[in-house]
């Protein structure tokens, strides 16, 4: 597995971040595109600034999320988790870009924000358990107590006792453990985080090779 180079990624992020700031500043200096009583040239400059911002910040988002996805895969934290996290980050990023562009064009977004907030509260209550597993997954990404391929022992009363096996995948809501008898168990990440004792057995050759590459 190739080592992830954040030097090149950071250079791209700096370039596209600077272009997005320039575009936003150009739009702000000339007023909203649909604003009344502004010169035609100012309207064109503002429109150009909005377009520059939209293209640059979207590219920035893609470069950033792609780098995060590759880093998660490199550290053997699960391909499924990497893809899902990349998708979620891009969705939130697209929403932020969309509202910013509407604001710079001159389209009121107050009602959209209120409606979105109400919808977010409703969805948050309805998907409380799923959100708990999602945020637990984020903590597991940062803490990195185990990786895909590790042989572990999990002891948890909430999960019904003791489990021994190999970590097959770490998703955004559940971790998949393949037991010694060949059966597969899906375990909620929130339970693993707060209600389980985890023992990682002698590290696999795959993890040792990945950590050796990371230290180079």
Foldseek 3Di string as FASTA:
>chain_A
DDDQDCVVLVVLLVVLVVQLVQLLVQLVVLAALPDPDGDPVSNVSNVSSLVSNLVSLLVSLVSVLVSQLVVCVLLQQFNQASVVVSVVSSVVSVVVSVVSSCVSNPHDCVVVVVVVVVVVVVVCVVCVLQVLLQVLLVVCSVVVPDHQQWWKWKAFVVVPGIFTAGFHGHHNFWTWGQGPVGDIDTHGSNCRRPTIDMDTPPDDPVNVVSVVNVVD
